Amino acid sequence: MARNAEKAMTTLARWRAAQVQEAGGQRERRPYLASECNDLPQAEKWRLQIVREIAKKVAQIQNGNYIKFYIS
């Protein structure tokens, strides 16, 4: 049987999906390959997003108090 936290996350995910759909559809997905992006401002946007994600993961890894289980 699922835990209450897991049930709440499922409900939250469903609510968020409905909210996004109501707002006008899905967000734009990041291209898998850099060669798929032909617009410089858009490419810079994706690059900054990737740099932020990498910095966040590195900070989590370097945090001594962070449980190793959560590092993915």
C-alpha atoms as a PDB file:
ATOM      1  CA  MET A   1       0.000   0.000   0.000  1.00  0.00           C
ATOM      2  CA  ALA A   2       1.261   3.460  -0.872  1.00  0.00           C
ATOM      3  CA  ARG A   3       2.349   5.921   1.767  1.00  0.00           C
ATOM      4  CA  ASN A   4       0.401   9.107   2.356  1.00  0.00           C
ATOM      5  CA  ALA A   5       3.236  11.205   0.924  1.00  0.00           C
ATOM      6  CA  GLU A   6       3.204   9.158  -2.287  1.00  0.00           C
ATOM      7  CA  LYS A   7      -0.560   9.535  -2.547  1.00  0.00           C
ATOM      8  CA  ALA A   8      -0.267  13.283  -2.032  1.00  0.00           C
ATOM      9  CA  MET A   9       2.388  13.567  -4.747  1.00  0.00           C
ATOM     10  CA  THR A  10       0.158  11.676  -7.173  1.00  0.00           C
ATOM     11  CA  THR A  11      -2.710  14.029  -6.418  1.00  0.00           C
ATOM     12  CA  LEU A  12      -0.403  17.017  -6.743  1.00  0.00           C
ATOM     13  CA  ALA A  13       0.918  15.748 -10.078  1.00  0.00           C
ATOM     14  CA  ARG A  14      -2.606  15.288 -11.436  1.00  0.00           C
ATOM     15  CA  TRP A  15      -3.638  18.744 -10.235  1.00  0.00           C
ATOM     16  CA  ARG A  16      -0.537  20.343 -11.739  1.00  0.00           C
ATOM     17  CA  ALA A  17      -1.078  18.582 -15.083  1.00  0.00           C
ATOM     18  CA  ALA A  18      -4.673  19.833 -15.183  1.00  0.00           C
ATOM     19  CA  GLN A  19      -3.491  23.344 -14.323  1.00  0.00           C
ATOM     20  CA  VAL A  20      -0.888  23.324 -17.119  1.00  0.00           C
ATOM     21  CA  GLN A  21      -3.411  21.991 -19.621  1.00  0.00           C
ATOM     22  CA  GLU A  22      -5.896  24.683 -18.646  1.00  0.00           C
ATOM     23  CA  ALA A  23      -3.240  27.384 -19.015  1.00  0.00           C
ATOM     24  CA  GLY A  24      -2.660  26.563 -22.656  1.00  0.00           C
ATOM     25  CA  GLY A  25      -0.945  23.243 -23.117  1.00  0.00           C
ATOM     26  CA  GLN A  26       2.469  21.879 -22.370  1.00  0.00           C
ATOM     27  CA  ARG A  27       5.647  23.843 -21.949  1.00  0.00           C
ATOM     28  CA  GLU A  28       8.293  23.840 -24.611  1.00  0.00           C
ATOM     29  CA  ARG A  29      10.671  20.909 -24.180  1.00  0.00           C
ATOM     30  CA  ARG A  30      14.409  21.299 -24.281  1.00  0.00           C
ATOM     31  CA  PRO A  31      15.935  19.831 -27.472  1.00  0.00           C
ATOM     32  CA  TYR A  32      17.798  16.563 -27.015  1.00  0.00           C
ATOM     33  CA  LEU A  33      20.634  17.610 -29.326  1.00  0.00           C
ATOM     34  CA  ALA A  34      22.203  21.043 -29.557  1.00  0.00           C
ATOM     35  CA  SER A  35      22.004  20.857 -33.352  1.00  0.00           C
ATOM     36  CA  GLU A  36      18.185  20.842 -33.141  1.00  0.00           C
ATOM     37  CA  CYS A  37      18.154  24.472 -31.965  1.00  0.00           C
ATOM     38  CA  ASN A  38      18.438  27.082 -34.730  1.00  0.00           C
ATOM     39  CA  ASP A  39      17.669  30.251 -32.767  1.00  0.00           C
ATOM     40  CA  LEU A  40      20.512  31.862 -30.771  1.00  0.00           C
ATOM     41  CA  PRO A  41      18.400  33.343 -27.915  1.00  0.00           C
ATOM     42  CA  GLN A  42      16.619  30.024 -27.502  1.00  0.00           C
ATOM     43  CA  ALA A  43      19.931  28.124 -27.523  1.00  0.00           C
ATOM     44  CA  GLU A  44      21.279  30.468 -24.838  1.00  0.00           C
ATOM     45  CA  LYS A  45      18.133  29.870 -22.766  1.00  0.00           C
ATOM     46  CA  TRP A  46      18.620  26.083 -22.912  1.00  0.00           C
ATOM     47  CA  ARG A  47      22.350  26.400 -22.188  1.00  0.00           C
ATOM     48  CA  LEU A  48      21.681  28.482 -19.066  1.00  0.00           C
ATOM     49  CA  GLN A  49      19.089  25.957 -17.925  1.00  0.00           C
ATOM     50  CA  ILE A  50      21.586  23.108 -18.304  1.00  0.00           C
ATOM     51  CA  VAL A  51      24.307  25.060 -16.471  1.00  0.00           C
ATOM     52  CA  ARG A  52      21.887  25.748 -13.579  1.00  0.00           C
ATOM     53  CA  GLU A  53      20.920  22.071 -13.355  1.00  0.00           C
ATOM     54  CA  ILE A  54      24.559  20.967 -13.322  1.00  0.00           C
ATOM     55  CA  ALA A  55      25.464  23.540 -10.656  1.00  0.00           C
ATOM     56  CA  LYS A  56      22.538  22.389  -8.517  1.00  0.00           C
ATOM     57  CA  LYS A  57      23.556  18.718  -8.764  1.00  0.00           C
ATOM     58  CA  VAL A  58      27.217  19.518  -8.012  1.00  0.00           C
ATOM     59  CA  ALA A  59      26.161  21.502  -4.936  1.00  0.00           C
ATOM     60  CA  GLN A  60      24.067  18.553  -3.761  1.00  0.00           C
ATOM     61  CA  ILE A  61      26.976  16.158  -4.233  1.00  0.00           C
ATOM     62  CA  GLN A  62      29.380  18.457  -2.380  1.00  0.00           C
ATOM     63  CA  ASN A  63      26.951  18.912   0.516  1.00  0.00           C
ATOM     64  CA  GLY A  64      28.196  16.563   3.227  1.00  0.00           C
ATOM     65  CA  ASN A  65      24.811  16.406   4.924  1.00  0.00           C
ATOM     66  CA  TYR A  66      22.973  15.372   1.780  1.00  0.00           C
ATOM     67  CA  ILE A  67      21.924  11.737   1.867  1.00  0.00           C
ATOM     68  CA  LYS A  68      23.588   9.722  -0.890  1.00  0.00           C
ATOM     69  CA  PHE A  69      20.286   8.040  -1.689  1.00  0.00           C
ATOM     70  CA  TYR A  70      18.874  11.290  -3.075  1.00  0.00           C
ATOM     71  CA  ILE A  71      21.764  11.995  -5.444  1.00  0.00           C
ATOM     72  CA  SER A  72      20.682  10.813  -8.863  1.00  0.00           C
END
